Amino acid sequence: MKNNIAQLRSAKGITQAELARQLGFSRSYMNRLERLNKKPSVETSVRIATILDCSLDDLFFNHDGDL
């Protein structure tokens, strides 16, 4: 399943390292999540959406073609 984590993170001006730090993950683990080498759990997805101030739909579905 595609995700929009990197695009949403960048749009908020948050670095990959900063998002990883806020989640308590390593930057390399965050990179794997963004590159789809690792699927985030529901709990992790909710935490990411909270930090990025977006919905789970925003994280995983492209509704308007902008991402």
Foldseek 3Di string as FASTA:
>chain_A
DAWCLVVLCVVVVHDLCRLCVVVVHHSVVSVCCNVVVDPDDPVVLVVSCVVSVHDSCNTHPDDDPPD
